[in-house]
Amino acid sequence: MKIIVVSDTHGHNEPFLEAAISIEKPDLLIHLGDYVRDAQEIAKVLDIEFLTVKGNGDYAARNFNEDELVEINGKKLFLTHGHRHHVSYNRDALLKKGMELGADIILYGHTHIPLIEKEGNVLIMNPGSPSLPRQSDRKRTFGIINIDEWIEVEIIEMDK
């Protein structure tokens, strides 16, 4: 299963959509908050199913949770925006929660800084932001996860 992972679009969907349209046969969109309404719009344009959690900027999005645990192809994914787990300071609380839930993969946003890291048997990914990047090189990013017999993850750097 090929999954597009994005976070922190903040209403600026056009550059991301240009890049996402070029992804060959995605099966699912995961949006990690800020803004959930963007997830709905992006999924409609890409004509794929989506999962989303709300972020700190989604205070009016009452129909969505801040955290979700989902199973895809036998792997447990913990989805969160991350602000409630204090990811701006460190990932300790996030990792603890993910491990308590038995997650194989932890996906979070909020910092706008892309990251792929492995802690024990847990894979952690932050796709960064395709609209408001904060890492030193300011590259706009999102993520791709392939879950089949094994898990492959990648951060995609956008041209624009």
N, C-alpha and C. Protein backbone atom coordinates (compact mmCIF):
# COMPACT_ATOMS: atom_id res chain seq x y z
N MET A 1 0.84 -1.18 0.00
CA MET A 1 0.00 0.00 0.00
C MET A 1 0.89 1.24 0.00
N LYS A 2 0.61 2.15 -0.91
CA LYS A 2 1.37 3.40 -0.99
C LYS A 2 0.55 4.52 -0.34
N ILE A 3 1.17 5.17 0.65
CA ILE A 3 0.50 6.20 1.44
C ILE A 3 1.25 7.52 1.30
N ILE A 4 0.51 8.57 0.96
CA ILE A 4 1.07 9.92 0.99
C ILE A 4 0.82 10.47 2.39
N VAL A 5 1.87 10.98 3.03
CA VAL A 5 1.76 11.54 4.38
C VAL A 5 2.11 13.01 4.32
N VAL A 6 1.21 13.85 4.82
CA VAL A 6 1.43 15.29 4.78
C VAL A 6 0.93 15.91 6.09
N SER A 7 1.49 17.04 6.43
CA SER A 7 1.07 17.77 7.62
C SER A 7 1.26 19.26 7.39
N ASP A 8 0.56 20.04 8.15
CA ASP A 8 0.80 21.49 8.20
C ASP A 8 0.74 22.16 6.84
N THR A 9 -0.35 21.90 6.12
CA THR A 9 -0.58 22.58 4.84
C THR A 9 -1.09 24.00 5.06
N HIS A 10 -1.78 24.23 6.14
CA HIS A 10 -2.24 25.57 6.53
C HIS A 10 -2.96 26.32 5.42
N GLY A 11 -3.78 25.59 4.65
CA GLY A 11 -4.60 26.23 3.63
C GLY A 11 -3.90 26.51 2.32
N HIS A 12 -2.64 26.13 2.20
CA HIS A 12 -1.87 26.37 0.97
C HIS A 12 -1.66 25.03 0.26
N ASN A 13 -2.69 24.58 -0.44
CA ASN A 13 -2.67 23.23 -1.02
C ASN A 13 -2.08 23.13 -2.41
N GLU A 14 -2.07 24.23 -3.16
CA GLU A 14 -1.72 24.16 -4.58
C GLU A 14 -0.34 23.57 -4.85
N PRO A 15 0.73 24.06 -4.23
CA PRO A 15 2.05 23.48 -4.52
C PRO A 15 2.12 21.99 -4.16
N PHE A 16 1.51 21.61 -3.05
CA PHE A 16 1.50 20.21 -2.66
C PHE A 16 0.73 19.37 -3.67
N LEU A 17 -0.43 19.86 -4.10
CA LEU A 17 -1.23 19.11 -5.06
C LEU A 17 -0.47 18.87 -6.36
N GLU A 18 0.27 19.87 -6.81
CA GLU A 18 1.08 19.70 -8.03
C GLU A 18 2.06 18.54 -7.87
N ALA A 19 2.69 18.46 -6.72
CA ALA A 19 3.65 17.37 -6.47
C ALA A 19 2.94 16.04 -6.25
N ALA A 20 1.85 16.04 -5.50
CA ALA A 20 1.15 14.80 -5.16
C ALA A 20 0.51 14.15 -6.37
N ILE A 21 0.06 14.95 -7.31
CA ILE A 21 -0.56 14.41 -8.52
C ILE A 21 0.42 13.54 -9.29
N SER A 22 1.72 13.85 -9.17
CA SER A 22 2.73 13.08 -9.90
C SER A 22 3.09 11.75 -9.23
N ILE A 23 2.60 11.51 -8.02
CA ILE A 23 2.88 10.25 -7.32
C ILE A 23 2.08 9.13 -7.98
N GLU A 24 2.76 8.08 -8.38
CA GLU A 24 2.11 7.00 -9.11
C GLU A 24 1.26 6.13 -8.18
N LYS A 25 -0.01 6.09 -8.43
CA LYS A 25 -0.98 5.21 -7.79
C LYS A 25 -0.93 5.19 -6.26
N PRO A 26 -1.13 6.34 -5.62
CA PRO A 26 -1.24 6.29 -4.15
C PRO A 26 -2.56 5.65 -3.75
N ASP A 27 -2.55 4.94 -2.63
CA ASP A 27 -3.75 4.27 -2.14
C ASP A 27 -4.47 5.06 -1.05
N LEU A 28 -3.73 5.91 -0.35
CA LEU A 28 -4.29 6.58 0.82
C LEU A 28 -3.53 7.87 1.08
N LEU A 29 -4.25 8.86 1.59
CA LEU A 29 -3.65 10.10 2.07
C LEU A 29 -3.81 10.14 3.58
N ILE A 30 -2.71 10.40 4.28
CA ILE A 30 -2.77 10.66 5.72
C ILE A 30 -2.35 12.10 5.93
N HIS A 31 -3.25 12.89 6.54
CA HIS A 31 -2.96 14.29 6.84
C HIS A 31 -2.90 14.42 8.36
N LEU A 32 -1.82 14.98 8.86
CA LEU A 32 -1.56 15.01 10.30
C LEU A 32 -1.94 16.33 10.96
N GLY A 33 -2.90 17.03 10.37
CA GLY A 33 -3.45 18.23 11.00
C GLY A 33 -2.88 19.54 10.52
N ASP A 34 -3.63 20.56 10.80
CA ASP A 34 -3.35 21.93 10.37
C ASP A 34 -3.31 22.03 8.85
N TYR A 35 -4.34 21.83 8.19
CA TYR A 35 -5.74 21.88 8.55
C TYR A 35 -6.47 20.65 8.02
N VAL A 36 -7.43 20.13 8.80
CA VAL A 36 -8.18 18.95 8.37
C VAL A 36 -9.01 19.24 7.12
N ARG A 37 -9.48 20.46 6.97
CA ARG A 37 -10.25 20.78 5.75
C ARG A 37 -9.39 20.63 4.50
N ASP A 38 -8.08 20.86 4.64
CA ASP A 38 -7.17 20.64 3.52
C ASP A 38 -7.13 19.16 3.14
N ALA A 39 -7.16 18.29 4.13
CA ALA A 39 -7.14 16.84 3.86
C ALA A 39 -8.32 16.45 2.99
N GLN A 40 -9.48 16.99 3.31
CA GLN A 40 -10.68 16.68 2.54
C GLN A 40 -10.54 17.16 1.10
N GLU A 41 -10.05 18.37 0.92
CA GLU A 41 -9.88 18.94 -0.42
C GLU A 41 -8.84 18.16 -1.23
N ILE A 42 -7.71 17.87 -0.61
CA ILE A 42 -6.62 17.15 -1.30
C ILE A 42 -7.09 15.76 -1.72
N ALA A 43 -7.75 15.04 -0.81
CA ALA A 43 -8.22 13.69 -1.11
C ALA A 43 -9.24 13.71 -2.25
N LYS A 44 -10.06 14.73 -2.28
CA LYS A 44 -11.05 14.84 -3.36
C LYS A 44 -10.35 15.03 -4.70
N VAL A 45 -9.37 15.92 -4.75
CA VAL A 45 -8.63 16.17 -6.00
C VAL A 45 -7.88 14.92 -6.44
N LEU A 46 -7.23 14.23 -5.49
CA LEU A 46 -6.46 13.03 -5.82
C LEU A 46 -7.34 11.79 -6.01
N ASP A 47 -8.61 11.92 -5.62
CA ASP A 47 -9.58 10.83 -5.72
C ASP A 47 -9.10 9.58 -4.96
N ILE A 48 -8.69 9.81 -3.69
CA ILE A 48 -8.29 8.70 -2.83
C ILE A 48 -8.91 8.86 -1.44
N GLU A 49 -8.92 7.78 -0.71
CA GLU A 49 -9.38 7.80 0.67
C GLU A 49 -8.38 8.57 1.52
N PHE A 50 -8.85 9.07 2.67
CA PHE A 50 -7.92 9.78 3.55
C PHE A 50 -8.22 9.49 5.01
N LEU A 51 -7.18 9.63 5.81
CA LEU A 51 -7.28 9.63 7.27
C LEU A 51 -6.68 10.94 7.73
N THR A 52 -7.25 11.52 8.77
CA THR A 52 -6.68 12.77 9.28
C THR A 52 -6.90 12.88 10.78
N VAL A 53 -6.03 13.61 11.41
CA VAL A 53 -6.18 13.99 12.81
C VAL A 53 -6.11 15.51 12.86
N LYS A 54 -6.69 16.07 13.89
CA LYS A 54 -6.67 17.53 13.96
C LYS A 54 -5.45 18.03 14.70
N GLY A 55 -5.01 19.21 14.30
CA GLY A 55 -3.86 19.84 14.92
C GLY A 55 -4.28 21.01 15.79
N ASN A 56 -3.32 21.73 16.29
CA ASN A 56 -3.62 22.86 17.17
C ASN A 56 -4.35 23.99 16.44
N GLY A 57 -4.28 24.04 15.12
CA GLY A 57 -5.00 25.04 14.35
C GLY A 57 -6.38 24.58 13.91
N ASP A 58 -6.79 23.40 14.32
CA ASP A 58 -8.06 22.81 13.89
C ASP A 58 -9.09 22.81 15.02
N TYR A 59 -9.11 23.87 15.81
CA TYR A 59 -9.97 23.90 16.99
C TYR A 59 -11.45 23.77 16.66
N ALA A 60 -11.88 24.13 15.45
CA ALA A 60 -13.29 24.03 15.08
C ALA A 60 -13.65 22.67 14.48
N ALA A 61 -12.68 21.80 14.27
CA ALA A 61 -12.90 20.50 13.62
C ALA A 61 -13.35 19.47 14.64
N ARG A 62 -14.59 19.52 15.02
CA ARG A 62 -15.10 18.67 16.10
C ARG A 62 -15.26 17.20 15.70
N ASN A 63 -15.34 16.92 14.41
CA ASN A 63 -15.58 15.54 13.96
C ASN A 63 -14.31 14.72 13.81
N PHE A 64 -13.18 15.27 14.23
CA PHE A 64 -11.91 14.57 14.08
C PHE A 64 -11.21 14.47 15.42
N ASN A 65 -10.44 13.42 15.61
CA ASN A 65 -9.69 13.21 16.84
C ASN A 65 -8.29 13.80 16.73
N GLU A 66 -7.66 14.01 17.87
CA GLU A 66 -6.27 14.49 17.89
C GLU A 66 -5.28 13.35 17.70
N ASP A 67 -5.65 12.15 18.08
CA ASP A 67 -4.81 10.97 17.93
C ASP A 67 -5.66 9.85 17.33
N GLU A 68 -5.04 9.02 16.52
CA GLU A 68 -5.70 7.83 15.97
C GLU A 68 -4.68 6.70 15.92
N LEU A 69 -5.14 5.50 16.17
CA LEU A 69 -4.34 4.30 15.96
C LEU A 69 -5.05 3.49 14.90
N VAL A 70 -4.37 3.24 13.78
CA VAL A 70 -4.97 2.49 12.68
C VAL A 70 -4.06 1.33 12.32
N GLU A 71 -4.65 0.30 11.73
CA GLU A 71 -3.85 -0.83 11.26
C GLU A 71 -3.95 -0.90 9.75
N ILE A 72 -2.80 -0.96 9.10
CA ILE A 72 -2.72 -1.05 7.65
C ILE A 72 -1.75 -2.17 7.30
N ASN A 73 -2.25 -3.14 6.55
CA ASN A 73 -1.43 -4.30 6.15
C ASN A 73 -0.68 -4.93 7.33
N GLY A 74 -1.37 -5.04 8.46
CA GLY A 74 -0.80 -5.70 9.62
C GLY A 74 0.13 -4.84 10.46
N LYS A 75 0.30 -3.57 10.09
CA LYS A 75 1.17 -2.65 10.85
C LYS A 75 0.30 -1.61 11.55
N LYS A 76 0.63 -1.33 12.81
CA LYS A 76 -0.10 -0.32 13.57
C LYS A 76 0.57 1.04 13.39
N LEU A 77 -0.24 2.02 12.98
CA LEU A 77 0.23 3.39 12.79
C LEU A 77 -0.44 4.29 13.81
N PHE A 78 0.37 5.02 14.56
CA PHE A 78 -0.12 6.02 15.50
C PHE A 78 -0.03 7.37 14.80
N LEU A 79 -1.19 8.00 14.58
CA LEU A 79 -1.26 9.28 13.91
C LEU A 79 -1.56 10.37 14.93
N THR A 80 -0.80 11.45 14.89
CA THR A 80 -1.04 12.57 15.78
C THR A 80 -0.43 13.82 15.17
N HIS A 81 -0.99 14.96 15.52
CA HIS A 81 -0.35 16.20 15.08
C HIS A 81 0.93 16.41 15.89
N GLY A 82 0.85 16.08 17.17
CA GLY A 82 2.05 16.12 18.01
C GLY A 82 2.07 17.20 19.07
N HIS A 83 1.25 18.23 18.91
CA HIS A 83 1.30 19.34 19.87
C HIS A 83 0.95 18.90 21.28
N ARG A 84 0.05 17.95 21.43
CA ARG A 84 -0.32 17.45 22.77
C ARG A 84 0.78 16.58 23.38
N HIS A 85 1.72 16.17 22.56
CA HIS A 85 2.84 15.33 23.04
C HIS A 85 4.14 16.14 23.11
N HIS A 86 4.02 17.44 23.00
CA HIS A 86 5.14 18.38 23.21
C HIS A 86 6.33 18.12 22.29
N VAL A 87 6.04 17.82 21.02
CA VAL A 87 7.11 17.47 20.07
C VAL A 87 8.01 18.64 19.71
N SER A 88 7.61 19.85 20.04
CA SER A 88 8.49 21.00 19.79
C SER A 88 9.71 20.97 20.70
N TYR A 89 9.62 20.24 21.81
CA TYR A 89 10.72 20.16 22.77
C TYR A 89 11.55 18.89 22.57
N ASN A 90 10.85 17.75 22.50
CA ASN A 90 11.51 16.46 22.22
C ASN A 90 10.43 15.45 21.86
N ARG A 91 10.84 14.25 21.51
CA ARG A 91 9.89 13.22 21.11
C ARG A 91 9.65 12.18 22.20
N ASP A 92 10.09 12.43 23.41
CA ASP A 92 9.98 11.44 24.49
C ASP A 92 8.54 11.02 24.77
N ALA A 93 7.65 12.00 24.98
CA ALA A 93 6.25 11.69 25.28
C ALA A 93 5.57 11.02 24.09
N LEU A 94 5.91 11.46 22.90
CA LEU A 94 5.36 10.88 21.67
C LEU A 94 5.76 9.41 21.55
N LEU A 95 7.03 9.13 21.74
CA LEU A 95 7.53 7.76 21.65
C LEU A 95 6.90 6.88 22.73
N LYS A 96 6.80 7.41 23.94
CA LYS A 96 6.20 6.65 25.04
C LYS A 96 4.76 6.28 24.70
N LYS A 97 3.98 7.24 24.19
CA LYS A 97 2.59 6.97 23.83
C LYS A 97 2.51 5.95 22.71
N GLY A 98 3.33 6.11 21.68
CA GLY A 98 3.34 5.17 20.57
C GLY A 98 3.68 3.76 21.01
N MET A 99 4.65 3.63 21.91
CA MET A 99 5.04 2.31 22.40
C MET A 99 3.94 1.70 23.27
N GLU A 100 3.27 2.53 24.08
CA GLU A 100 2.15 2.04 24.89
C GLU A 100 1.05 1.47 24.00
N LEU A 101 0.86 2.08 22.84
CA LEU A 101 -0.18 1.65 21.90
C LEU A 101 0.26 0.47 21.03
N GLY A 102 1.53 0.10 21.11
CA GLY A 102 2.04 -0.98 20.29
C GLY A 102 2.24 -0.60 18.83
N ALA A 103 2.50 0.68 18.59
CA ALA A 103 2.65 1.18 17.21
C ALA A 103 3.94 0.68 16.57
N ASP A 104 3.83 0.34 15.31
CA ASP A 104 5.01 0.03 14.49
C ASP A 104 5.57 1.31 13.87
N ILE A 105 4.66 2.25 13.59
CA ILE A 105 5.02 3.52 12.95
C ILE A 105 4.32 4.65 13.70
N ILE A 106 5.06 5.70 14.01
CA ILE A 106 4.50 6.91 14.61
C ILE A 106 4.62 8.02 13.58
N LEU A 107 3.49 8.65 13.25
CA LEU A 107 3.48 9.76 12.30
C LEU A 107 3.00 11.01 13.03
N TYR A 108 3.77 12.08 12.90
CA TYR A 108 3.39 13.33 13.57
C TYR A 108 3.81 14.52 12.73
N GLY A 109 3.28 15.69 13.07
CA GLY A 109 3.61 16.93 12.38
C GLY A 109 4.00 18.01 13.38
N HIS A 110 3.37 19.17 13.25
CA HIS A 110 3.48 20.31 14.15
C HIS A 110 4.78 21.09 14.04
N THR A 111 5.91 20.44 13.96
CA THR A 111 7.19 21.17 13.95
C THR A 111 7.54 21.73 12.58
N HIS A 112 6.90 21.22 11.53
CA HIS A 112 7.19 21.62 10.15
C HIS A 112 8.60 21.21 9.73
N ILE A 113 9.21 20.29 10.44
CA ILE A 113 10.58 19.85 10.15
C ILE A 113 10.55 18.35 9.84
N PRO A 114 10.97 17.95 8.63
CA PRO A 114 10.92 16.53 8.27
C PRO A 114 11.91 15.69 9.06
N LEU A 115 11.49 14.45 9.32
CA LEU A 115 12.33 13.54 10.11
C LEU A 115 11.93 12.10 9.81
N ILE A 116 12.90 11.25 9.67
CA ILE A 116 12.70 9.80 9.67
C ILE A 116 13.72 9.25 10.65
N GLU A 117 13.24 8.45 11.60
CA GLU A 117 14.12 7.94 12.65
C GLU A 117 13.57 6.60 13.14
N LYS A 118 14.44 5.78 13.62
CA LYS A 118 14.03 4.50 14.19
C LYS A 118 14.44 4.48 15.66
N GLU A 119 13.49 4.16 16.52
CA GLU A 119 13.74 4.01 17.96
C GLU A 119 13.36 2.58 18.32
N GLY A 120 14.34 1.72 18.51
CA GLY A 120 14.03 0.31 18.75
C GLY A 120 13.36 -0.26 17.51
N ASN A 121 12.17 -0.82 17.70
CA ASN A 121 11.41 -1.37 16.57
C ASN A 121 10.37 -0.40 16.02
N VAL A 122 10.38 0.84 16.49
CA VAL A 122 9.37 1.82 16.09
C VAL A 122 9.97 2.82 15.10
N LEU A 123 9.29 2.97 13.98
CA LEU A 123 9.68 3.94 12.97
C LEU A 123 8.92 5.24 13.23
N ILE A 124 9.63 6.35 13.24
CA ILE A 124 9.02 7.66 13.49
C ILE A 124 9.21 8.52 12.25
N MET A 125 8.12 9.15 11.80
CA MET A 125 8.22 10.04 10.65
C MET A 125 7.45 11.32 10.89
N ASN A 126 8.09 12.43 10.56
CA ASN A 126 7.43 13.73 10.44
C ASN A 126 7.64 14.13 8.98
N PRO A 127 6.56 14.33 8.22
CA PRO A 127 6.72 14.67 6.81
C PRO A 127 7.17 16.10 6.55
N GLY A 128 7.28 16.92 7.59
CA GLY A 128 7.60 18.32 7.39
C GLY A 128 6.36 19.07 6.94
N SER A 129 6.56 20.11 6.15
CA SER A 129 5.43 20.91 5.65
C SER A 129 5.66 21.26 4.19
N PRO A 130 4.62 21.10 3.36
CA PRO A 130 4.76 21.49 1.96
C PRO A 130 4.47 22.97 1.72
N SER A 131 4.10 23.69 2.78
CA SER A 131 3.77 25.10 2.60
C SER A 131 4.56 26.05 3.48
N LEU A 132 4.89 25.64 4.69
CA LEU A 132 5.58 26.52 5.64
C LEU A 132 6.73 25.78 6.32
N PRO A 133 7.77 25.41 5.56
CA PRO A 133 8.88 24.65 6.15
C PRO A 133 9.67 25.47 7.16
N ARG A 134 10.20 24.79 8.17
CA ARG A 134 10.97 25.48 9.21
C ARG A 134 12.40 24.97 9.35
N GLN A 135 12.78 23.90 8.65
CA GLN A 135 14.16 23.42 8.76
C GLN A 135 15.10 24.42 8.09
N SER A 136 16.38 24.30 8.34
CA SER A 136 17.35 25.31 7.91
C SER A 136 17.36 25.53 6.40
N ASP A 137 17.15 24.49 5.60
CA ASP A 137 17.18 24.69 4.14
C ASP A 137 15.84 25.12 3.57
N ARG A 138 14.81 25.15 4.40
CA ARG A 138 13.47 25.63 4.03
C ARG A 138 12.86 24.91 2.83
N LYS A 139 13.19 23.64 2.66
CA LYS A 139 12.60 22.88 1.56
C LYS A 139 11.21 22.41 1.95
N ARG A 140 10.30 22.52 1.01
CA ARG A 140 8.93 22.06 1.20
C ARG A 140 8.92 20.54 1.05
N THR A 141 8.28 19.85 1.99
CA THR A 141 8.36 18.39 2.00
C THR A 141 7.03 17.72 2.34
N PHE A 142 6.96 16.45 1.98
CA PHE A 142 5.91 15.55 2.43
C PHE A 142 6.51 14.15 2.43
N GLY A 143 5.75 13.16 2.86
CA GLY A 143 6.30 11.81 2.96
C GLY A 143 5.54 10.79 2.14
N ILE A 144 6.23 9.70 1.87
CA ILE A 144 5.63 8.52 1.23
C ILE A 144 5.98 7.31 2.08
N ILE A 145 4.99 6.48 2.35
CA ILE A 145 5.22 5.21 3.03
C ILE A 145 4.66 4.10 2.15
N ASN A 146 5.44 3.07 1.94
CA ASN A 146 4.97 1.85 1.29
C ASN A 146 4.96 0.75 2.35
N ILE A 147 3.80 0.14 2.53
CA ILE A 147 3.68 -0.95 3.49
C ILE A 147 3.26 -2.20 2.73
N ASP A 148 4.18 -3.13 2.59
CA ASP A 148 3.91 -4.43 1.98
C ASP A 148 4.49 -5.47 2.93
N GLU A 149 5.41 -6.32 2.45
CA GLU A 149 6.06 -7.27 3.35
C GLU A 149 6.96 -6.52 4.33
N TRP A 150 7.49 -5.39 3.89
CA TRP A 150 8.31 -4.54 4.73
C TRP A 150 7.83 -3.11 4.59
N ILE A 151 8.42 -2.22 5.35
CA ILE A 151 8.03 -0.81 5.34
C ILE A 151 9.14 0.02 4.71
N GLU A 152 8.78 0.84 3.74
CA GLU A 152 9.72 1.80 3.15
C GLU A 152 9.17 3.20 3.38
N VAL A 153 10.03 4.11 3.81
CA VAL A 153 9.61 5.49 4.03
C VAL A 153 10.56 6.43 3.30
N GLU A 154 10.02 7.57 2.89
CA GLU A 154 10.81 8.53 2.14
C GLU A 154 10.25 9.93 2.36
N ILE A 155 11.14 10.89 2.51
CA ILE A 155 10.75 12.30 2.52
C ILE A 155 10.94 12.82 1.10
N ILE A 156 9.90 13.42 0.55
CA ILE A 156 9.94 13.99 -0.79
C ILE A 156 10.16 15.49 -0.67
N GLU A 157 11.21 15.99 -1.31
CA GLU A 157 11.46 17.43 -1.36
C GLU A 157 10.83 17.98 -2.62
N MET A 158 10.01 18.99 -2.46
CA MET A 158 9.30 19.58 -3.59
C MET A 158 10.18 20.61 -4.29
N ASP A 159 9.93 20.79 -5.59
CA ASP A 159 10.70 21.75 -6.37
C ASP A 159 10.36 23.18 -6.01
N LYS A 160 9.09 23.43 -5.70
CA LYS A 160 8.65 24.81 -5.43
C LYS A 160 8.49 25.04 -3.95
